[in-house]
Amino acid sequence: MSNELTGSEILVQSLQAEGVKHIFGYPGGSVLYIYDAIYQQNAIEHILVRHEQAAVHAADAYARTSHEVGVALVTSGPGLTNAVTGIATAYYDSIPMVIISGQVPTGMIGQDAFQESDAVGITRPCVKHNFLVKDVRQLATTIKKAFHIARTGRPGPVLIDIPKDVSNMKCKFEYPETVEMRSYNPVTKGHSGQIRKALQYLINAERPVIYTGGGVILANAAPELNAFVDALGYPCVNTLMGLGGCRADNPNYLGMPGMHGMYEANMAMQNSDVIIAIGARFDDRVIGNPKHFGSVHRKIIHIDIDPSSISKRVRADVPIVGDVKEVLTDMLAQLAEIKERADATKMAKWWAQINEWKSIDCLAYDRESELVKPQYVIETLHRLTHGDAFITSDVGQHQMWAAQFYKFNDPRKWVNSGGLGTMGVGIPYAMGVKKLYPDADVCCITGEGSVQMCIQELSTCKQYDLPIKVLSLNNRYLGMVRQWQELDYEKRYSHSYMDALPDFVKLAEAFGHVGMRIEKKSDVEGAIREALALKDRLVFMDFQTDQTENVYPMVQAGKGLSEMLLRPAHPTLEQAMKIGE
């Protein structure tokens, strides 16, 4: 019948119905019918990456910096297995995505066919849900379900595995407007009684802390959070994934807590009597040793869309299940009706203590050195971009310096792998962001180790005219590994030195881009300024940074938040330790 469409055509039209504008992918035998359908339309642009991992990362960043669901397309077998790292990265950071994978024909599934892999089985631990579509008549409904699951509740990646024969079978196409799933009904409205109880704890607190995470970003709740912080006047901290939730220039903001968090943020967390956790997990990188964290008696209020995240590592006294934006809106409304506020004298005493911790200046570094200090590079980038750039990062020391020294006033401007800690995401993330925001400054902060994991994507950047700026903090070491080896393994630097590094300037030029090598501190500002001025060119800046520089403060594995290591040469180290007692 003439009104029937193939599975591939149904897929493309369903994606159009969901408002998809870009797909990141890589073709192969099992998805050729799908690629043929993509060829015959122009509503959706396909971006051809150089490795499937990069396709998922780019789609992931696209979702992180927008209100959209990221979409990636890969073939069967190695195409799918190459994508798994990207899928797991999105899963651990709760990013809404739909990944479409090709599969061998239905009759060949389980026969060890060429380029066959069990996509559903392989991805089950790292997706929110997955589907194997064996009947073309179920394809449209499955796509609708996938997008619904991906973007509602606690967001996450959803995989749709489509056998090759299904992609070419025909049936009548009708895309459902809504979808009902009996087993999936996430709660969004917080319990009003629990909210009242939480507010009473907060008003009666003597040493309160507002602790926020990536859930605030995902729920688009930054305006409500800032209003909440301002209304209470309490100190606030943002996790690595929550940076930009509370404005960095808010006087109540203490910075990032955790393993490489601010001294004052960690000390406030550890010494608090009431913590309200908003869209944040009490994970190992934030609170350190849970036994040490639990040694101080305090009340915990925990707001999260995912009930399984509440009381997972730290018991909550007041659990509130619901969408962070809705819960904060209700909290603000109830707070406006309550005249009672925290005791001003006790709060003044708490802020005096916090300001004493602040006086330690935990991020101090040698500003007189002629060596290129990585902290200085980030500070200079922040100043020259006025804090308005999109910053993507890889994983390692450079990631922590970026988080510490680039002050984010807006949500969705900071894009990095938090939960999984995936090296190689920097350039693909920047690609996804630049595709979505072509006129914005998009800067990738990376290291010579991380950048080599997906450096082939410089070719994708050339093909699709994605003039990102790459700042490689090159210390010739796997910096974070070296730091741990220095501090915990008696300086046994086992396989952490990067030998035989390429000439990154020539490499960038080989891909058709601009390369710079910066060896002196005095050249840092000029190089960044020049790179930002080249609006239509990708610029790779290879900064030769101080090899000995470590990230401080640092909470070592197994230690508590008040057991931080500060910079050894810190002039006020003794004072800091005294204050911390």
Protein backbone atom coordinates (compact mmCIF):
# COMPACT_ATOMS: atom_id res chain seq x y z
CA MET A 1 0.00 0.00 0.00
CA SER A 2 1.18 3.48 -0.87
CA ASN A 3 0.60 4.87 2.65
CA GLU A 4 2.93 2.29 4.17
CA LEU A 5 6.47 3.19 5.19
CA THR A 6 9.59 1.14 5.82
CA GLY A 7 10.98 0.81 9.35
CA SER A 8 13.77 3.21 8.41
CA GLU A 9 11.29 5.82 7.14
CA ILE A 10 9.19 5.35 10.29
CA LEU A 11 12.30 5.91 12.42
CA VAL A 12 13.23 9.12 10.61
CA GLN A 13 9.69 10.52 10.70
CA SER A 14 9.35 9.59 14.37
CA LEU A 15 12.57 11.46 15.17
CA GLN A 16 11.22 14.45 13.26
CA ALA A 17 8.01 14.25 15.31
CA GLU A 18 10.16 14.41 18.47
CA GLY A 19 11.78 17.60 17.21
CA VAL A 20 15.21 16.06 16.60
CA LYS A 21 17.43 18.37 14.54
CA HIS A 22 20.82 16.59 14.75
CA ILE A 23 22.01 12.99 14.88
CA PHE A 24 25.61 12.01 15.56
CA GLY A 25 26.58 8.68 14.07
CA TYR A 26 28.65 6.29 12.02
CA PRO A 27 27.25 3.99 9.31
CA GLY A 28 27.64 0.25 8.86
CA GLY A 29 25.96 -2.68 7.17
CA SER A 30 23.08 -3.11 9.64
CA VAL A 31 21.97 0.52 9.43
CA LEU A 32 22.28 1.20 5.70
CA TYR A 33 18.51 1.28 5.16
CA ILE A 34 18.33 3.87 7.94
CA TYR A 35 21.11 5.92 6.35
CA ASP A 36 19.29 5.73 3.02
CA ALA A 37 16.19 7.18 4.69
CA ILE A 38 18.28 9.94 6.27
CA TYR A 39 19.69 10.75 2.82
CA GLN A 40 16.18 11.29 1.43
CA GLN A 41 15.20 14.04 3.89
CA ASN A 42 16.71 17.32 5.06
CA ALA A 43 14.88 18.07 8.33
CA ILE A 44 17.52 16.26 10.41
CA GLU A 45 21.24 16.85 9.96
CA HIS A 46 23.55 13.89 10.46
CA ILE A 47 27.08 14.53 11.75
CA LEU A 48 29.57 11.85 10.74
CA VAL A 49 32.07 11.30 13.55
CA ARG A 50 35.29 9.26 13.31
CA HIS A 51 34.53 6.83 16.16
CA GLU A 52 31.23 5.67 17.65
CA GLN A 53 32.31 6.65 21.16
CA ALA A 54 32.56 10.24 19.96
CA ALA A 55 29.07 10.06 18.44
CA VAL A 56 27.53 9.28 21.80
CA HIS A 57 29.68 11.84 23.63
CA ALA A 58 28.74 14.58 21.17
CA ALA A 59 25.03 13.73 21.45
CA ASP A 60 25.48 13.63 25.24
CA ALA A 61 26.92 17.18 25.33
CA TYR A 62 24.14 18.32 23.00
CA ALA A 63 21.67 17.15 25.64
CA ARG A 64 23.64 18.54 28.62
CA THR A 65 23.65 22.07 27.24
CA SER A 66 20.06 22.15 26.00
CA HIS A 67 16.62 20.96 26.99
CA GLU A 68 16.72 18.34 24.24
CA VAL A 69 17.27 14.60 24.08
CA GLY A 70 20.59 13.73 22.42
CA VAL A 71 20.43 11.17 19.59
CA ALA A 72 23.20 8.88 18.34
CA LEU A 73 23.14 6.21 15.63
CA VAL A 74 25.58 3.28 15.42
CA THR A 75 25.78 -0.01 13.58
CA SER A 76 25.75 -3.50 15.06
CA GLY A 77 28.63 -5.42 16.65
CA PRO A 78 31.73 -3.22 17.09
CA GLY A 79 29.67 -0.10 16.37
CA LEU A 80 27.57 -0.83 19.43
CA THR A 81 30.46 -1.96 21.63
CA ASN A 82 32.45 1.17 20.70
CA ALA A 83 29.47 3.22 21.84
CA VAL A 84 29.16 1.57 25.26
CA THR A 85 31.63 3.92 27.00
CA GLY A 86 29.64 6.91 25.78
CA ILE A 87 26.37 5.31 26.89
CA ALA A 88 27.76 4.53 30.36
CA THR A 89 29.11 8.09 30.65
CA ALA A 90 25.62 9.48 29.99
CA TYR A 91 24.02 6.93 32.32
CA TYR A 92 26.16 7.81 35.33
CA ASP A 93 25.45 11.53 34.85
CA SER A 94 21.71 11.02 34.15
CA ILE A 95 21.71 12.53 30.66
CA PRO A 96 18.59 12.12 28.46
CA MET A 97 19.60 10.29 25.29
CA VAL A 98 18.26 7.89 22.69
CA ILE A 99 20.83 5.64 21.09
CA ILE A 100 19.76 3.75 17.97
CA SER A 101 21.81 0.67 17.14
CA GLY A 102 21.58 -1.58 14.13
CA GLN A 103 21.29 -5.32 14.59
CA VAL A 104 21.70 -8.34 12.31
CA PRO A 105 18.45 -9.60 10.71
CA THR A 106 16.01 -11.18 13.20
CA GLY A 107 16.48 -14.66 11.77
CA MET A 108 20.24 -14.44 12.39
CA ILE A 109 20.12 -13.21 16.00
CA GLY A 110 21.85 -15.73 18.21
CA GLN A 111 23.65 -17.37 15.26
CA ASP A 112 27.00 -15.62 15.78
CA ALA A 113 26.43 -13.71 12.57
CA PHE A 114 28.95 -11.23 11.20
CA GLN A 115 29.01 -8.08 13.35
CA GLU A 116 26.45 -9.48 15.78
CA SER A 117 26.49 -8.50 19.45
CA ASP A 118 23.88 -8.76 22.16
CA ALA A 119 23.16 -5.04 22.37
CA VAL A 120 20.39 -5.43 24.93
CA GLY A 121 22.49 -7.67 27.18
CA ILE A 122 25.68 -5.61 26.87
CA THR A 123 24.01 -2.28 27.63
CA ARG A 124 21.55 -3.44 30.29
CA PRO A 125 23.74 -2.28 33.23
CA CYS A 126 24.33 1.19 31.75
CA VAL A 127 21.01 2.32 30.28
CA LYS A 128 17.80 3.50 31.85
CA HIS A 129 15.99 1.08 29.55
CA ASN A 130 16.54 -0.69 26.25
CA PHE A 131 14.41 -2.22 23.50
CA LEU A 132 14.91 -4.84 20.79
CA VAL A 133 12.32 -4.19 18.07
CA LYS A 134 11.39 -7.39 16.23
CA ASP A 135 8.11 -6.15 14.77
CA VAL A 136 8.07 -3.04 12.58
CA ARG A 137 4.50 -2.32 13.75
CA GLN A 138 5.86 -1.64 17.24
CA LEU A 139 8.65 0.67 16.11
CA ALA A 140 6.83 4.03 16.28
CA THR A 141 5.42 3.31 19.75
CA THR A 142 8.82 2.10 20.95
CA ILE A 143 10.47 5.34 19.82
CA LYS A 144 7.79 7.35 21.64
CA LYS A 145 8.39 5.30 24.80
CA ALA A 146 12.16 5.71 24.48
CA PHE A 147 11.98 9.52 24.35
CA HIS A 148 9.46 9.60 27.20
CA ILE A 149 11.63 7.40 29.43
CA ALA A 150 14.82 9.29 28.53
CA ARG A 151 13.55 12.76 29.45
CA THR A 152 11.21 12.10 32.42
CA GLY A 153 11.91 11.17 36.04
CA ARG A 154 15.63 10.77 36.57
CA PRO A 155 16.80 11.20 32.96
CA GLY A 156 19.05 8.70 31.27
CA PRO A 157 20.05 6.99 28.02
CA VAL A 158 17.65 4.59 26.29
CA LEU A 159 18.78 2.16 23.60
CA ILE A 160 16.66 1.01 20.64
CA ASP A 161 18.13 -2.01 18.83
CA ILE A 162 16.71 -2.40 15.31
CA PRO A 163 17.43 -5.54 13.21
CA LYS A 164 18.27 -4.85 9.58
CA ASP A 165 15.22 -6.63 8.18
CA VAL A 166 12.90 -4.67 10.50
CA SER A 167 14.36 -1.42 9.16
CA ASN A 168 13.19 -2.43 5.66
CA MET A 169 9.79 -3.97 6.49
CA LYS A 170 6.70 -1.90 5.73
CA CYS A 171 3.64 -1.02 7.75
CA LYS A 172 1.20 1.82 8.22
CA PHE A 173 2.81 4.70 10.10
CA GLU A 174 1.04 6.52 12.89
CA TYR A 175 3.07 8.27 15.56
CA PRO A 176 1.35 8.27 18.97
CA GLU A 177 0.80 11.67 20.60
CA THR A 178 1.05 10.26 24.12
CA VAL A 179 2.23 7.07 25.71
CA GLU A 180 1.10 5.25 28.85
CA MET A 181 3.35 2.86 30.73
CA ARG A 182 1.80 1.17 33.76
CA SER A 183 5.15 0.32 35.32
CA TYR A 184 6.69 3.76 34.83
CA ASN A 185 5.13 6.73 36.60
CA PRO A 186 7.83 8.89 38.20
CA VAL A 187 6.74 11.09 41.11
CA THR A 188 7.34 14.79 40.49
CA LYS A 189 5.38 16.46 43.32
CA GLY A 190 7.10 16.55 46.70
CA HIS A 191 5.17 15.68 49.86
CA SER A 192 3.95 18.96 51.42
CA GLY A 193 4.27 17.61 54.98
CA GLN A 194 7.89 16.62 54.38
CA ILE A 195 8.57 20.05 52.91
CA ARG A 196 7.14 21.72 56.04
CA LYS A 197 9.28 19.47 58.23
CA ALA A 198 12.38 20.29 56.16
CA LEU A 199 11.77 24.02 56.50
CA GLN A 200 11.44 23.72 60.27
CA TYR A 201 14.80 21.95 60.46
CA LEU A 202 16.34 24.66 58.27
CA ILE A 203 14.89 27.57 60.27
CA ASN A 204 16.05 26.03 63.56
CA ALA A 205 19.53 25.25 62.24
CA GLU A 206 22.63 26.84 63.71
CA ARG A 207 25.13 25.64 61.11
CA PRO A 208 23.14 24.93 57.92
CA VAL A 209 24.52 24.10 54.47
CA ILE A 210 22.67 23.95 51.14
CA TYR A 211 24.30 21.16 49.18
CA THR A 212 23.37 20.97 45.48
CA GLY A 213 24.24 18.72 42.58
CA GLY A 214 23.59 17.91 38.94
CA GLY A 215 19.89 17.33 39.61
CA VAL A 216 19.43 21.10 39.85
CA ILE A 217 20.94 21.51 36.37
CA LEU A 218 18.92 18.65 34.86
CA ALA A 219 15.68 20.00 36.31
CA ASN A 220 16.38 23.55 35.06
CA ALA A 221 15.98 24.66 38.67
CA ALA A 222 18.88 27.16 38.91
CA PRO A 223 16.53 30.22 39.21
CA GLU A 224 14.59 28.55 42.03
CA LEU A 225 17.80 27.47 43.78
CA ASN A 226 19.28 30.97 43.70
CA ALA A 227 16.02 32.41 45.02
CA PHE A 228 16.05 29.79 47.80
CA VAL A 229 19.68 30.57 48.75
CA ASP A 230 18.97 34.31 48.76
CA ALA A 231 15.78 33.89 50.82
CA LEU A 232 17.55 31.92 53.54
CA GLY A 233 20.99 33.54 53.33
CA TYR A 234 22.63 30.17 54.02
CA PRO A 235 25.97 28.96 52.64
CA CYS A 236 25.64 26.92 49.46
CA VAL A 237 27.98 24.47 47.74
CA ASN A 238 27.75 22.97 44.24
CA THR A 239 29.15 19.57 43.34
CA LEU A 240 31.26 19.07 40.22
CA MET A 241 28.10 18.24 38.25
CA GLY A 242 26.16 21.08 39.86
CA LEU A 243 28.52 23.94 38.97
CA GLY A 244 26.54 26.92 37.71
CA GLY A 245 23.46 25.92 39.74
CA CYS A 246 24.14 28.51 42.43
CA ARG A 247 25.85 31.50 40.85
CA ALA A 248 29.58 31.63 41.55
CA ASP A 249 29.32 35.35 42.30
CA ASN A 250 26.60 34.80 44.94
CA PRO A 251 28.06 35.93 48.28
CA ASN A 252 26.54 32.83 49.90
CA TYR A 253 28.40 30.49 47.56
CA LEU A 254 31.36 28.59 49.05
CA GLY A 255 32.49 26.69 45.97
CA MET A 256 32.78 23.01 45.25
CA PRO A 257 33.02 20.40 48.03
CA GLY A 258 34.71 17.02 47.86
CA MET A 259 38.03 15.44 46.99
CA HIS A 260 39.39 18.60 45.35
CA GLY A 261 36.83 20.97 46.75
CA MET A 262 37.29 24.26 48.58
CA TYR A 263 38.59 24.14 52.13
CA GLU A 264 35.70 26.26 53.40
CA ALA A 265 33.12 24.17 51.52
CA ASN A 266 34.41 20.91 52.99
CA MET A 267 34.76 22.28 56.50
CA ALA A 268 31.24 23.72 56.36
CA MET A 269 29.87 20.38 55.15
CA GLN A 270 31.70 18.44 57.87
CA ASN A 271 30.76 20.81 60.72
CA SER A 272 27.15 21.46 59.73
CA ASP A 273 24.16 20.58 61.90
CA VAL A 274 21.63 20.59 59.03
CA ILE A 275 22.34 19.75 55.38
CA ILE A 276 19.73 20.04 52.67
CA ALA A 277 20.86 17.99 49.67
CA ILE A 278 19.14 19.12 46.49
CA GLY A 279 19.59 16.87 43.45
CA ALA A 280 22.91 15.60 44.78
CA ARG A 281 24.31 12.23 45.79
CA PHE A 282 26.46 11.73 48.89
CA ASP A 283 29.02 9.94 46.73
CA ASP A 284 32.56 9.00 47.63
CA ARG A 285 34.15 11.94 45.81
CA VAL A 286 32.05 14.45 47.75
CA ILE A 287 31.90 13.25 51.36
CA GLY A 288 35.00 11.05 51.47
CA ASN A 289 34.82 8.43 54.22
CA PRO A 290 31.11 8.03 55.17
CA LYS A 291 32.03 6.89 58.70
CA HIS A 292 34.05 10.09 59.23
CA PHE A 293 31.23 12.15 57.72
CA GLY A 294 28.71 10.48 60.01
CA SER A 295 30.81 11.17 63.12
CA VAL A 296 29.15 14.60 63.40
CA HIS A 297 25.49 14.49 64.44
CA ARG A 298 23.38 16.38 61.93
CA LYS A 299 19.99 16.34 60.26
CA ILE A 300 19.90 15.43 56.56
CA ILE A 301 17.18 16.64 54.20
CA HIS A 302 17.45 14.92 50.82
CA ILE A 303 15.49 15.98 47.72
CA ASP A 304 15.76 13.80 44.61
CA ILE A 305 13.59 12.62 41.73
CA ASP A 306 15.07 9.14 42.15
CA PRO A 307 13.97 7.47 45.40
CA SER A 308 16.83 4.94 45.13
CA SER A 309 19.38 7.77 45.49
CA ILE A 310 17.97 8.85 48.86
CA SER A 311 19.62 7.24 51.91
CA LYS A 312 21.86 5.21 49.61
CA ARG A 313 25.12 6.17 51.40
CA VAL A 314 23.95 8.62 54.08
CA ARG A 315 20.64 8.17 55.92
CA ALA A 316 18.16 10.97 55.29
CA ASP A 317 16.08 12.30 58.19
CA VAL A 318 13.68 14.04 55.81
CA PRO A 319 13.44 12.30 52.42
CA ILE A 320 11.57 14.22 49.72
CA VAL A 321 10.95 12.43 46.42
CA GLY A 322 10.09 14.76 43.59
CA ASP A 323 11.26 16.98 40.77
CA VAL A 324 13.78 19.45 42.20
CA LYS A 325 12.23 22.43 40.41
CA GLU A 326 8.73 21.64 41.71
CA VAL A 327 9.93 20.92 45.25
CA LEU A 328 11.93 24.17 45.42
CA THR A 329 8.95 26.11 44.07
CA ASP A 330 6.77 24.65 46.84
CA MET A 331 9.48 25.33 49.42
CA LEU A 332 9.75 28.96 48.38
CA ALA A 333 5.97 29.34 48.58
CA GLN A 334 5.84 27.85 52.09
CA LEU A 335 8.88 29.87 53.16
CA ALA A 336 7.13 33.07 52.12
CA GLU A 337 4.24 32.23 54.43
CA ILE A 338 6.52 31.57 57.42
CA LYS A 339 7.64 34.68 59.29
CA GLU A 340 10.09 32.78 61.47
CA ARG A 341 13.75 32.80 60.39
CA ALA A 342 17.03 31.43 61.73
CA ASP A 343 18.55 33.03 64.83
CA ALA A 344 20.58 35.98 63.54
CA THR A 345 23.24 35.75 66.28
CA LYS A 346 23.86 32.06 65.67
CA MET A 347 24.00 32.58 61.91
CA ALA A 348 26.47 35.43 62.32
CA LYS A 349 28.67 33.12 64.39
CA TRP A 350 28.43 30.43 61.66
CA TRP A 351 29.39 32.89 58.93
CA ALA A 352 32.29 34.18 61.04
CA GLN A 353 33.61 30.62 61.24
CA ILE A 354 33.18 30.14 57.49
CA ASN A 355 34.99 33.39 56.74
CA GLU A 356 37.84 32.22 58.95
CA TRP A 357 38.10 29.06 56.86
CA LYS A 358 37.96 31.21 53.71
CA SER A 359 40.96 33.21 54.92
CA ILE A 360 43.12 30.12 54.34
CA ASP A 361 42.99 30.87 50.56
CA CYS A 362 43.14 27.18 49.69
CA LEU A 363 43.61 27.77 45.95
CA ALA A 364 46.77 29.84 46.36
CA TYR A 365 49.59 28.96 43.96
CA ASP A 366 52.95 30.45 42.96
CA ARG A 367 51.95 33.43 40.84
CA GLU A 368 55.54 34.66 40.51
CA SER A 369 56.82 31.59 38.68
CA GLU A 370 57.90 31.97 35.07
CA LEU A 371 56.66 28.46 34.38
CA VAL A 372 53.23 28.11 32.83
CA LYS A 373 50.95 27.32 35.76
CA PRO A 374 47.78 25.46 34.75
CA GLN A 375 45.74 27.51 37.22
CA TYR A 376 46.90 30.69 35.52
CA VAL A 377 45.79 29.39 32.13
CA ILE A 378 42.24 28.76 33.43
CA GLU A 379 42.09 32.10 35.24
CA THR A 380 43.18 33.89 32.08
CA LEU A 381 40.61 32.04 29.98
CA HIS A 382 37.88 33.01 32.48
CA ARG A 383 38.91 36.65 32.38
CA LEU A 384 39.12 36.85 28.59
CA THR A 385 35.78 35.07 28.04
CA HIS A 386 34.11 37.04 30.87
CA GLY A 387 32.96 33.71 32.28
CA ASP A 388 30.48 33.30 29.40
CA ALA A 389 32.09 30.47 27.43
CA PHE A 390 30.91 26.89 27.29
CA ILE A 391 33.65 24.86 28.94
CA THR A 392 34.07 21.18 28.19
CA SER A 393 36.75 19.18 29.92
CA ASP A 394 38.34 15.81 29.85
CA VAL A 395 39.16 13.95 33.08
CA GLY A 396 42.18 14.49 35.28
CA GLN A 397 44.04 17.34 36.92
CA HIS A 398 42.97 19.80 34.22
CA GLN A 399 39.31 18.95 34.95
CA MET A 400 39.74 19.87 38.62
CA TRP A 401 41.60 23.10 37.84
CA ALA A 402 38.86 24.06 35.41
CA ALA A 403 36.22 23.39 38.07
CA GLN A 404 38.17 25.37 40.67
CA PHE A 405 39.26 28.39 38.64
CA TYR A 406 36.57 28.93 36.00
CA LYS A 407 33.70 30.54 37.90
CA PHE A 408 30.31 29.53 36.47
CA ASN A 409 27.35 31.87 36.92
CA ASP A 410 25.05 29.98 34.58
CA PRO A 411 23.88 26.38 34.39
CA ARG A 412 24.66 24.11 31.42
CA LYS A 413 27.88 25.97 30.61
CA TRP A 414 30.10 23.30 32.22
CA VAL A 415 30.26 19.95 30.44
CA ASN A 416 32.32 17.10 31.84
CA SER A 417 32.14 13.43 32.82
CA GLY A 418 31.45 13.29 36.54
CA GLY A 419 30.18 9.85 37.52
CA LEU A 420 32.17 7.61 35.17
CA GLY A 421 35.19 9.89 34.79
CA THR A 422 35.72 9.23 31.08
CA MET A 423 38.91 10.40 29.43
CA GLY A 424 38.50 11.46 25.82
CA VAL A 425 35.16 13.26 26.16
CA GLY A 426 36.54 16.81 25.80
CA ILE A 427 36.66 17.29 22.02
CA PRO A 428 33.46 15.31 21.24
CA TYR A 429 31.65 17.25 23.97
CA ALA A 430 32.84 20.51 22.42
CA MET A 431 31.62 19.32 19.00
CA GLY A 432 28.12 18.67 20.32
CA VAL A 433 27.98 22.05 22.06
CA LYS A 434 29.34 23.97 19.05
CA LYS A 435 26.79 22.32 16.76
CA LEU A 436 24.03 23.55 19.02
CA TYR A 437 25.52 27.00 19.74
CA PRO A 438 27.54 27.96 16.63
CA ASP A 439 28.05 31.58 17.71
CA ALA A 440 29.23 30.86 21.27
CA ASP A 441 32.79 30.47 22.53
CA VAL A 442 33.27 26.74 23.14
CA CYS A 443 36.52 25.82 24.87
CA CYS A 444 37.80 22.32 25.55
CA ILE A 445 40.17 22.07 28.52
CA THR A 446 42.16 18.88 28.24
CA GLY A 447 45.50 17.21 28.87
CA GLU A 448 47.96 15.51 26.56
CA GLY A 449 46.78 12.11 27.85
CA SER A 450 43.02 12.60 27.55
CA VAL A 451 43.14 14.41 24.24
CA GLN A 452 44.79 11.51 22.43
CA MET A 453 41.83 9.23 23.14
CA CYS A 454 39.50 10.96 20.68
CA ILE A 455 41.88 13.25 18.80
CA GLN A 456 40.69 11.87 15.46
CA GLU A 457 37.56 13.99 15.96
CA LEU A 458 39.62 17.00 14.86
CA SER A 459 38.76 15.65 11.43
CA THR A 460 35.02 15.84 12.22
CA CYS A 461 35.51 19.43 13.39
CA LYS A 462 37.08 20.26 10.03
CA GLN A 463 34.36 18.59 7.98
CA TYR A 464 31.51 20.30 9.81
CA ASP A 465 33.21 23.64 10.47
CA LEU A 466 33.22 23.45 14.27
CA PRO A 467 35.84 26.05 15.31
CA ILE A 468 36.24 25.06 18.96
CA LYS A 469 39.24 26.16 21.06
CA VAL A 470 41.33 23.37 22.60
CA LEU A 471 43.48 24.23 25.61
CA SER A 472 45.78 21.30 26.38
CA LEU A 473 47.53 21.58 29.76
CA ASN A 474 50.48 19.45 28.74
CA ASN A 475 52.66 18.36 31.67
CA ARG A 476 54.00 15.26 29.91
CA TYR A 477 52.43 13.08 32.60
CA LEU A 478 49.13 11.40 33.26
CA GLY A 479 48.84 14.13 35.85
CA MET A 480 46.26 12.78 38.27
CA VAL A 481 47.84 9.32 38.25
CA ARG A 482 51.26 10.92 38.86
CA GLN A 483 49.83 12.97 41.73
CA TRP A 484 48.45 9.88 43.44
CA GLN A 485 51.71 8.03 42.87
CA GLU A 486 53.64 10.92 44.41
CA LEU A 487 51.44 11.13 47.50
CA ASP A 488 50.35 7.52 48.07
CA TYR A 489 52.89 5.31 46.30
CA GLU A 490 56.19 6.83 47.47
CA LYS A 491 56.86 8.48 44.09
CA ARG A 492 56.88 5.22 42.14
CA TYR A 493 55.78 6.71 38.82
CA SER A 494 54.64 3.52 37.16
CA HIS A 495 53.65 4.16 33.54
CA SER A 496 52.41 7.69 34.17
CA TYR A 497 55.02 9.53 32.09
CA MET A 498 53.94 10.27 28.53
CA ASP A 499 56.87 9.37 26.29
CA ALA A 500 56.95 9.93 22.53
CA LEU A 501 54.26 12.61 22.48
CA PRO A 502 53.30 13.93 19.07
CA ASP A 503 53.97 17.48 17.98
CA PHE A 504 50.46 18.73 18.65
CA VAL A 505 51.00 21.88 16.59
CA LYS A 506 51.85 19.86 13.49
CA LEU A 507 49.07 17.40 14.29
CA ALA A 508 46.50 20.19 14.48
CA GLU A 509 47.81 21.63 11.23
CA ALA A 510 47.64 18.18 9.60
CA PHE A 511 43.90 18.16 10.37
CA GLY A 512 43.57 21.62 8.79
CA HIS A 513 43.51 23.66 12.00
CA VAL A 514 45.67 26.24 13.77
CA GLY A 515 48.25 24.96 16.25
CA MET A 516 50.08 26.92 18.98
CA ARG A 517 52.78 25.86 21.42
CA ILE A 518 53.00 28.05 24.52
CA GLU A 519 56.08 27.64 26.73
CA LYS A 520 56.23 30.93 28.68
CA LYS A 521 53.82 32.46 31.15
CA SER A 522 54.13 35.79 29.37
CA ASP A 523 52.71 34.25 26.18
CA VAL A 524 49.59 32.71 27.76
CA GLU A 525 47.26 35.70 27.54
CA GLY A 526 48.29 36.62 24.01
CA ALA A 527 47.77 33.06 22.77
CA ILE A 528 44.29 32.76 24.27
CA ARG A 529 43.31 36.22 23.05
CA GLU A 530 44.48 35.37 19.51
CA ALA A 531 42.69 32.02 19.56
CA LEU A 532 39.39 33.56 20.67
CA ALA A 533 39.71 36.18 17.93
CA LEU A 534 39.96 33.47 15.25
CA LYS A 535 36.19 32.89 15.23
CA ASP A 536 36.16 30.66 12.17
CA ARG A 537 39.16 28.45 12.98
CA LEU A 538 39.73 25.61 15.40
CA VAL A 539 42.80 26.46 17.48
CA PHE A 540 44.79 23.86 19.40
CA MET A 541 46.83 25.49 22.19
CA ASP A 542 49.53 23.21 23.58
CA PHE A 543 50.50 24.76 26.93
CA GLN A 544 53.76 23.36 28.35
CA THR A 545 52.79 23.47 32.00
CA ASP A 546 54.73 22.95 35.22
CA GLN A 547 55.18 19.19 35.63
CA THR A 548 55.31 19.33 39.41
CA GLU A 549 52.00 21.09 39.95
CA ASN A 550 49.36 19.17 41.95
CA VAL A 551 45.69 19.80 42.57
CA TYR A 552 44.99 21.05 46.09
CA PRO A 553 43.12 20.85 48.40
CA MET A 554 42.92 17.07 48.28
CA VAL A 555 41.00 14.54 50.35
CA GLN A 556 42.83 11.24 50.00
CA ALA A 557 40.98 7.94 49.62
CA GLY A 558 39.63 6.76 52.95
CA LYS A 559 39.98 10.18 54.58
CA GLY A 560 37.28 12.56 55.80
CA LEU A 561 36.38 16.06 54.65
CA SER A 562 38.24 17.77 57.49
CA GLU A 563 41.41 15.74 56.77
CA MET A 564 42.36 17.63 53.61
CA LEU A 565 45.85 18.00 52.29
CA LEU A 566 46.74 21.59 51.48
CA ARG A 567 49.60 22.75 49.32
CA PRO A 568 52.84 21.71 51.14
CA ALA A 569 54.40 25.14 50.72
CA HIS A 570 51.19 26.84 51.82
CA PRO A 571 52.27 29.73 54.06
CA THR A 572 49.30 29.28 56.38
CA LEU A 573 49.20 25.48 56.52
CA GLU A 574 49.69 25.39 60.30
CA GLN A 575 46.99 27.99 60.72
CA ALA A 576 44.67 25.95 58.50
CA MET A 577 45.20 22.79 60.49
CA LYS A 578 44.58 24.70 63.70
CA ILE A 579 41.34 26.13 62.36
CA GLY A 580 40.31 22.70 61.18
CA GLU A 581 40.61 21.11 64.62
